[in-house]
Protein backbone atom coordinates (compact mmCIF):
# COMPACT_ATOMS: atom_id res chain seq x y z
CA MET A 1 41.49 -56.23 15.86
CA ASP A 2 39.19 -57.97 13.49
CA GLY A 3 35.40 -57.52 14.00
CA GLN A 4 36.07 -54.33 15.46
CA GLY A 5 35.44 -50.68 13.99
CA PRO A 6 38.21 -48.34 13.61
CA SER A 7 39.37 -46.51 16.79
CA PRO A 8 38.64 -42.93 16.87
CA VAL A 9 41.38 -40.82 16.43
CA LEU A 10 42.96 -39.27 19.33
CA GLY A 11 41.91 -35.67 20.00
CA SER A 12 39.22 -35.53 17.29
CA ARG A 13 35.69 -34.26 18.29
CA ILE A 14 32.64 -36.00 17.16
CA THR A 15 29.63 -33.65 16.43
CA PRO A 16 26.27 -35.07 17.43
CA GLU A 17 23.65 -34.98 14.91
CA PRO A 18 20.96 -32.57 15.60
CA ASP A 19 17.69 -34.08 16.65
CA VAL A 20 14.48 -33.86 14.86
CA ASP A 21 13.11 -31.15 17.09
CA THR A 22 16.08 -28.81 16.55
CA LEU A 23 15.87 -29.30 12.80
CA GLN A 24 12.15 -28.55 12.69
CA LYS A 25 12.53 -25.45 15.14
CA HIS A 26 15.51 -24.12 12.71
CA SER A 27 13.20 -24.83 9.73
CA PHE A 28 10.46 -22.96 11.12
CA TRP A 29 12.40 -19.85 11.98
CA LYS A 30 13.92 -19.82 8.57
CA SER A 31 10.76 -20.08 6.92
CA LEU A 32 9.12 -17.22 9.35
CA LEU A 33 12.17 -14.97 8.08
CA HIS A 34 11.30 -15.35 4.62
CA HIS A 35 7.96 -13.76 5.09
CA ARG A 36 8.53 -9.88 4.94
CA GLU A 37 5.13 -9.26 6.60
CA ILE A 38 6.62 -10.40 9.96
CA GLY A 39 8.02 -6.74 10.56
CA VAL A 40 4.91 -4.93 10.02
CA ALA A 41 2.90 -7.52 12.09
CA CYS A 42 5.29 -6.80 14.90
CA ALA A 43 4.74 -3.15 14.44
CA LEU A 44 0.92 -3.42 14.20
CA ILE A 45 1.19 -5.46 17.71
CA ILE A 46 3.41 -2.59 19.22
CA VAL A 47 1.01 0.09 18.17
CA PHE A 48 -2.02 -1.77 19.42
CA THR A 49 -0.28 -2.32 22.62
CA VAL A 50 0.97 1.02 23.22
CA PHE A 51 -2.45 2.86 22.51
CA PHE A 52 -4.45 0.25 24.38
CA SER A 53 -2.27 0.96 27.44
CA LEU A 54 -3.02 4.78 27.19
CA GLN A 55 -6.71 4.62 26.13
CA LYS A 56 -8.82 1.48 27.10
CA HIS A 57 -11.38 2.15 24.40
CA PHE A 58 -8.47 1.80 21.52
CA LEU A 59 -9.81 -1.74 21.07
CA SER A 60 -13.53 -1.25 21.16
CA SER A 61 -15.74 -2.13 18.01
CA GLY A 62 -16.29 1.50 17.16
CA THR A 63 -12.41 2.47 17.35
CA LEU A 64 -11.57 -0.67 15.20
CA GLY A 65 -14.28 0.09 12.76
CA ASP A 66 -13.02 3.52 12.25
CA ILE A 67 -9.50 2.06 11.97
CA VAL A 68 -10.72 -0.14 9.11
CA THR A 69 -12.43 2.31 7.42
CA ILE A 70 -9.50 5.07 7.26
CA ALA A 71 -7.23 2.10 6.31
CA ALA A 72 -9.27 1.20 3.33
CA GLU A 73 -9.20 4.68 1.82
CA LEU A 74 -5.25 4.76 2.25
CA GLY A 75 -5.07 1.10 1.49
CA VAL A 76 -6.72 1.05 -1.96
CA VAL A 77 -4.03 3.46 -3.05
CA ALA A 78 -1.26 1.84 -1.13
CA VAL A 79 -1.97 -1.22 -3.11
CA GLY A 80 -1.30 0.35 -6.29
CA ALA A 81 1.66 1.96 -4.92
CA SER A 82 3.27 -1.33 -3.79
CA PHE A 83 2.82 -2.82 -7.27
CA LEU A 84 4.42 0.26 -8.76
CA MET A 85 7.32 0.20 -6.21
CA ILE A 86 7.86 -3.57 -6.75
CA SER A 87 8.43 -2.90 -10.47
CA GLY A 88 10.97 0.07 -9.41
CA GLU A 89 9.12 2.92 -9.93
CA MET A 90 6.95 5.47 -7.54
CA ASP A 91 4.20 7.95 -7.73
CA LEU A 92 4.10 11.09 -5.93
CA SER A 93 1.08 12.39 -7.86
CA VAL A 94 -1.56 10.06 -6.13
CA GLY A 95 -2.73 12.41 -3.57
CA SER A 96 -3.66 15.09 -6.41
CA ASN A 97 -5.09 11.87 -8.47
CA PHE A 98 -7.22 11.03 -5.41
CA ALA A 99 -8.76 14.30 -5.23
CA PHE A 100 -9.21 14.93 -8.71
CA GLY A 101 -10.98 11.67 -9.35
CA GLY A 102 -13.42 12.51 -6.32
CA MET A 103 -13.90 15.94 -7.77
CA ILE A 104 -14.78 14.79 -11.30
CA LEU A 105 -17.24 12.34 -9.89
CA ALA A 106 -19.06 15.12 -7.72
CA MET A 107 -18.93 17.70 -10.44
CA LEU A 108 -20.50 15.27 -12.92
CA ILE A 109 -23.03 14.34 -10.58
CA THR A 110 -24.00 17.84 -9.24
CA LYS A 111 -23.28 20.23 -12.17
CA GLN A 112 -23.73 18.12 -15.28
CA ASN A 113 -26.42 15.67 -13.83
CA TRP A 114 -24.83 12.65 -15.21
CA ASN A 115 -25.77 9.20 -14.70
CA PRO A 116 -23.84 8.25 -11.28
CA LEU A 117 -22.50 5.13 -12.87
CA LEU A 118 -21.28 6.57 -15.93
CA ALA A 119 -19.89 9.67 -14.11
CA PHE A 120 -17.92 7.07 -11.73
CA ILE A 121 -16.62 5.28 -14.72
CA VAL A 122 -15.43 8.63 -16.45
CA ALA A 123 -13.91 9.73 -13.07
CA ILE A 124 -11.64 6.57 -12.70
CA SER A 125 -10.85 6.65 -16.24
CA CYS A 126 -9.43 10.24 -15.95
CA SER A 127 -7.38 9.18 -13.29
CA ALA A 128 -6.16 6.04 -14.95
CA GLY A 129 -5.21 8.22 -17.75
CA ILE A 130 -3.25 10.49 -15.47
CA GLY A 131 -1.39 7.36 -14.34
CA ALA A 132 -0.77 6.21 -17.83
CA LEU A 133 0.49 9.66 -18.88
CA ASN A 134 2.93 9.72 -15.99
CA GLY A 135 4.28 6.36 -17.34
CA LEU A 136 4.55 7.35 -20.64
CA ILE A 137 6.47 10.60 -19.90
CA THR A 138 8.54 8.71 -17.49
CA LEU A 139 9.41 5.61 -19.98
CA SER A 140 9.56 7.33 -23.10
CA ILE A 141 11.74 10.30 -22.14
CA GLY A 142 13.68 8.66 -19.51
CA ILE A 143 12.93 11.10 -16.64
CA PRO A 144 13.01 9.61 -13.15
CA SER A 145 9.35 8.65 -12.16
CA PHE A 146 10.25 10.76 -8.96
CA ILE A 147 10.47 13.92 -11.14
CA THR A 148 7.50 13.13 -13.40
CA THR A 149 5.20 12.46 -10.73
CA LEU A 150 6.22 15.46 -8.47
CA GLY A 151 5.52 17.78 -11.38
CA ALA A 152 2.18 15.86 -12.01
CA MET A 153 1.24 16.30 -8.18
CA MET A 154 1.29 20.07 -8.62
CA PHE A 155 -0.25 20.18 -12.07
CA TRP A 156 -3.24 18.23 -11.20
CA ARG A 157 -3.87 19.87 -7.82
CA GLY A 158 -3.74 23.13 -9.61
CA VAL A 159 -6.12 21.94 -12.07
CA ALA A 160 -8.64 20.43 -9.25
CA LEU A 161 -8.20 23.91 -7.60
CA TYR A 162 -9.05 25.88 -10.71
CA LEU A 163 -12.29 23.71 -11.67
CA THR A 164 -13.74 24.29 -8.13
CA GLN A 165 -12.06 27.85 -7.51
CA GLY A 166 -10.77 26.06 -4.25
CA TRP A 167 -14.36 25.27 -2.89
CA PRO A 168 -15.38 21.85 -1.91
CA ILE A 169 -18.30 20.08 -3.64
CA SER A 170 -21.10 18.61 -1.54
CA ILE A 171 -23.56 16.15 -2.65
CA PHE A 172 -26.79 16.42 -0.33
CA GLU A 173 -29.36 14.23 -2.13
CA ASP A 174 -29.26 10.54 -1.86
CA VAL A 175 -27.18 8.82 -4.47
CA PRO A 176 -27.27 5.02 -4.38
CA LEU A 177 -24.09 4.70 -5.94
CA LEU A 178 -22.21 6.61 -3.23
CA ARG A 179 -23.86 4.64 -0.53
CA TRP A 180 -22.25 1.52 -2.56
CA LEU A 181 -18.84 3.24 -2.68
CA GLY A 182 -18.35 4.37 0.90
CA GLY A 183 -21.57 5.82 2.45
CA GLY A 184 -22.99 2.44 3.34
CA ARG A 185 -22.00 0.36 6.09
CA VAL A 186 -21.62 -3.49 6.37
CA VAL A 187 -21.74 -3.61 10.03
CA ALA A 188 -22.55 -0.75 12.47
CA THR A 189 -18.95 0.58 12.54
CA VAL A 190 -17.40 -0.29 9.32
CA HIS A 191 -18.27 1.30 5.99
CA ILE A 192 -18.48 -0.68 2.66
CA SER A 193 -15.10 0.72 1.16
CA ALA A 194 -13.46 -1.87 3.44
CA VAL A 195 -15.13 -4.66 1.45
CA TRP A 196 -14.05 -2.99 -1.97
CA TRP A 197 -10.27 -2.90 -0.28
CA LEU A 198 -10.46 -6.28 0.77
CA ILE A 199 -11.55 -7.22 -2.86
CA ILE A 200 -9.03 -5.20 -4.55
CA GLY A 201 -6.19 -6.35 -2.30
CA VAL A 202 -7.14 -10.07 -2.92
CA ILE A 203 -7.26 -9.60 -6.81
CA PHE A 204 -3.86 -7.92 -6.70
CA TRP A 205 -2.35 -10.61 -4.34
CA ILE A 206 -3.55 -13.16 -6.71
CA VAL A 207 -2.09 -11.44 -9.66
CA LEU A 208 1.21 -10.91 -7.90
CA GLN A 209 1.93 -14.32 -6.48
CA LYS A 210 -0.01 -16.57 -8.77
CA THR A 211 0.31 -15.39 -12.35
CA PRO A 212 3.27 -14.89 -14.85
CA TYR A 213 2.44 -11.00 -14.73
CA GLY A 214 3.31 -11.25 -11.14
CA ASN A 215 6.65 -12.76 -11.95
CA TRP A 216 7.30 -9.99 -14.61
CA VAL A 217 6.77 -7.44 -11.95
CA PHE A 218 9.29 -8.83 -9.48
CA ALA A 219 11.80 -9.30 -12.44
CA THR A 220 11.18 -5.86 -13.79
CA GLY A 221 11.96 -4.29 -10.45
CA GLY A 222 14.85 -6.80 -9.25
CA LYS A 223 17.25 -7.27 -12.20
CA ARG A 224 15.57 -5.29 -15.28
CA GLY A 225 18.61 -6.12 -17.68
CA ALA A 226 18.38 -9.72 -16.95
CA ALA A 227 14.42 -9.71 -17.15
CA ARG A 228 14.71 -8.16 -20.53
CA ALA A 229 17.23 -10.56 -21.80
CA LEU A 230 14.68 -13.26 -20.72
CA GLY A 231 11.83 -11.65 -22.70
CA VAL A 232 10.15 -9.97 -19.95
CA PRO A 233 8.24 -6.73 -21.52
CA ASP A 234 9.41 -4.48 -18.76
CA VAL A 235 8.28 -1.14 -20.31
CA LYS A 236 4.97 -2.61 -20.76
CA VAL A 237 4.76 -3.85 -17.17
CA LYS A 238 5.90 -0.31 -15.68
CA LEU A 239 2.97 1.36 -17.82
CA ILE A 240 0.47 -0.90 -16.92
CA ASN A 241 1.36 -0.52 -13.25
CA PHE A 242 1.45 3.46 -13.68
CA THR A 243 -2.21 2.95 -14.81
CA LEU A 244 -3.17 0.75 -12.19
CA ILE A 245 -1.94 3.14 -9.49
CA GLY A 246 -3.89 6.02 -11.20
CA LEU A 247 -7.00 4.00 -11.35
CA LEU A 248 -6.88 3.08 -7.72
CA ALA A 249 -6.21 6.78 -6.71
CA GLY A 250 -9.30 7.71 -8.42
CA MET A 251 -11.23 4.94 -6.77
CA GLY A 252 -9.83 5.92 -3.25
CA GLY A 253 -11.05 9.63 -3.88
CA CYS A 254 -14.54 8.31 -4.97
CA PHE A 255 -14.69 6.04 -2.06
CA GLN A 256 -14.05 9.12 0.23
CA LEU A 257 -16.68 11.07 -1.48
CA GLY A 258 -19.19 8.29 -0.91
CA ARG A 259 -18.44 8.30 2.67
CA MET A 260 -18.09 11.92 3.47
CA GLY A 261 -20.80 13.24 0.94
CA SER A 262 -18.09 15.82 -0.37
CA MET A 263 -14.87 16.33 -1.82
CA SER A 264 -12.32 19.02 -1.50
CA PRO A 265 -9.56 19.94 -3.89
CA VAL A 266 -7.13 19.97 -1.25
CA TRP A 267 -7.62 16.45 0.39
CA GLY A 268 -5.00 13.83 -0.07
CA GLN A 269 -2.13 16.25 0.26
CA GLU A 270 -0.12 13.67 2.50
CA LEU A 271 -1.53 10.55 0.50
CA ALA A 272 1.57 9.98 -1.58
CA LEU A 273 3.92 9.86 1.34
CA GLU A 274 1.31 7.63 3.36
CA ALA A 275 0.66 5.13 0.62
CA ILE A 276 4.68 4.70 0.18
CA ALA A 277 4.95 4.82 3.84
CA ALA A 278 2.36 1.83 4.11
CA SER A 279 4.19 0.04 1.49
CA VAL A 280 7.75 0.34 3.12
CA ILE A 281 6.36 -0.59 6.44
CA GLY A 282 4.57 -3.61 4.76
CA GLY A 283 8.12 -4.72 3.56
CA ASN A 284 8.64 -3.29 0.08
CA ALA A 285 11.88 -2.11 -0.71
CA LEU A 286 12.39 1.54 -2.28
CA THR A 287 14.70 -0.06 -4.77
CA GLY A 288 12.07 -2.50 -6.29
CA GLY A 289 12.08 -6.14 -6.76
CA VAL A 290 10.66 -7.09 -3.35
CA GLY A 291 7.33 -6.65 -1.78
CA SER A 292 4.01 -7.90 -0.35
CA ILE A 293 0.45 -6.84 -0.84
CA LEU A 294 -0.51 -8.46 2.33
CA GLY A 295 2.12 -6.47 4.14
CA THR A 296 1.09 -3.30 2.51
CA MET A 297 -2.41 -3.74 3.59
CA LEU A 298 -1.02 -4.39 7.33
CA GLY A 299 0.87 -1.35 6.69
CA ALA A 300 -2.27 0.72 5.82
CA ILE A 301 -3.99 -0.64 9.12
CA THR A 302 -0.83 0.41 11.14
CA MET A 303 -1.08 3.88 9.76
CA ALA A 304 -4.79 4.37 10.48
CA SER A 305 -3.97 2.74 13.95
CA ILE A 306 -1.52 5.64 14.56
CA ARG A 307 -3.93 8.36 13.46
CA ILE A 308 -6.73 7.17 15.29
CA GLY A 309 -4.77 6.45 18.43
CA LEU A 310 -3.27 9.83 18.42
CA VAL A 311 -6.67 11.37 18.25
CA MET A 312 -7.84 9.26 21.10
CA ILE A 313 -5.19 10.03 23.48
CA GLY A 314 -5.30 13.89 22.73
CA ALA A 315 -2.16 14.33 20.90
CA PRO A 316 -1.58 17.27 18.75
CA ALA A 317 -2.44 16.32 15.18
CA TYR A 318 0.80 17.17 13.81
CA TRP A 319 2.40 14.37 15.68
CA TYR A 320 0.96 12.05 13.18
CA MET A 321 3.35 12.81 10.29
CA SER A 322 6.43 12.71 12.81
CA PHE A 323 5.14 9.30 13.83
CA VAL A 324 5.08 8.10 10.27
CA GLY A 325 8.62 9.48 9.60
CA PHE A 326 9.89 7.76 12.43
CA ILE A 327 8.26 4.42 11.47
CA VAL A 328 9.15 4.69 7.80
CA VAL A 329 13.07 5.05 8.94
CA ALA A 330 12.51 2.16 11.27
CA ALA A 331 10.84 -0.09 8.90
CA VAL A 332 13.35 0.52 6.35
CA ALA A 333 16.08 -0.24 8.73
CA LEU A 334 14.35 -3.49 9.84
CA ASN A 335 13.78 -4.71 6.32
CA VAL A 336 17.38 -4.12 5.55
CA LYS A 337 18.52 -6.27 8.51
CA LEU A 338 15.94 -8.68 7.83
CA GLY A 339 17.47 -9.06 4.22
CA GLU A 340 20.69 -9.68 5.62
CA VAL A 341 19.36 -12.35 8.20
CA ILE A 342 17.62 -14.14 5.16
CA SER A 343 20.70 -14.04 3.02
CA TRP A 344 22.84 -15.18 5.96
CA LYS A 345 20.52 -18.03 6.46
CA LYS A 346 20.36 -19.46 2.98
């Protein structure tokens, strides 16, 4: 009939338009899933909940300060590890470099009577040089970074042991620089190294997220061939990142020297695995091209929380690495599934 719309086809189904609230909720969850930090945030909440239920003092100001302090020394190295992993490489020598940098600073101050600031600059420069050497060997010869840095891990640990004959070096006099590096406190329970970690984390986050170099890092680790075709200097990017992780490993060792007042050539033996674990827990892919500085920092806090929590409940010390191993596998599995969900949602 004239003036009337067409009759609906018999048997057809009219799908109602989704309302605004449904669309907004869908958009919210879709946006949330694209944040790789969501996994580590959930893990951190679970860790805090479990340990608080077992030990009510876990959330005290003193304990939280200890967690942040431990996380800072691990987190400085983990930030560098994250940068390198996103570009598609890894460094297993950071623990040895950590100890080597701290030992060089301690030796120059106590045995050579160097100006502490000059000694610090030389120490972190040596550590940066170790990182750069790892990069040069890996990139020029074509040896996988896993093998290059595994050899470097053993070599530089041996050098540190030789220089000190296996003995720790302690600094008993008051050195203002060491107070500024890690011995001082910003509040009663938090060492100043946490402030340095925060500053380093913010700088690296800005570089990764807001600069062309950050885009190069992601491109180099994601699709290196395509990145190279677009003019990305992938070799230069990787070499810079190897140097940066060496620099940060040395700084971490100097921070610990400042906090402890001594440095041992055997410290940091598990640091490489812990730094990689913090990065993976924070959403970084072992294959490169994906990662988050914020997630890595939360991963370091998660690791420190587990370490402190196990001590507080009286668990054997060797349980820590067992927990770390379990969490790394769980984090990788979660990241894989999260990636599948994100791909499906697109």
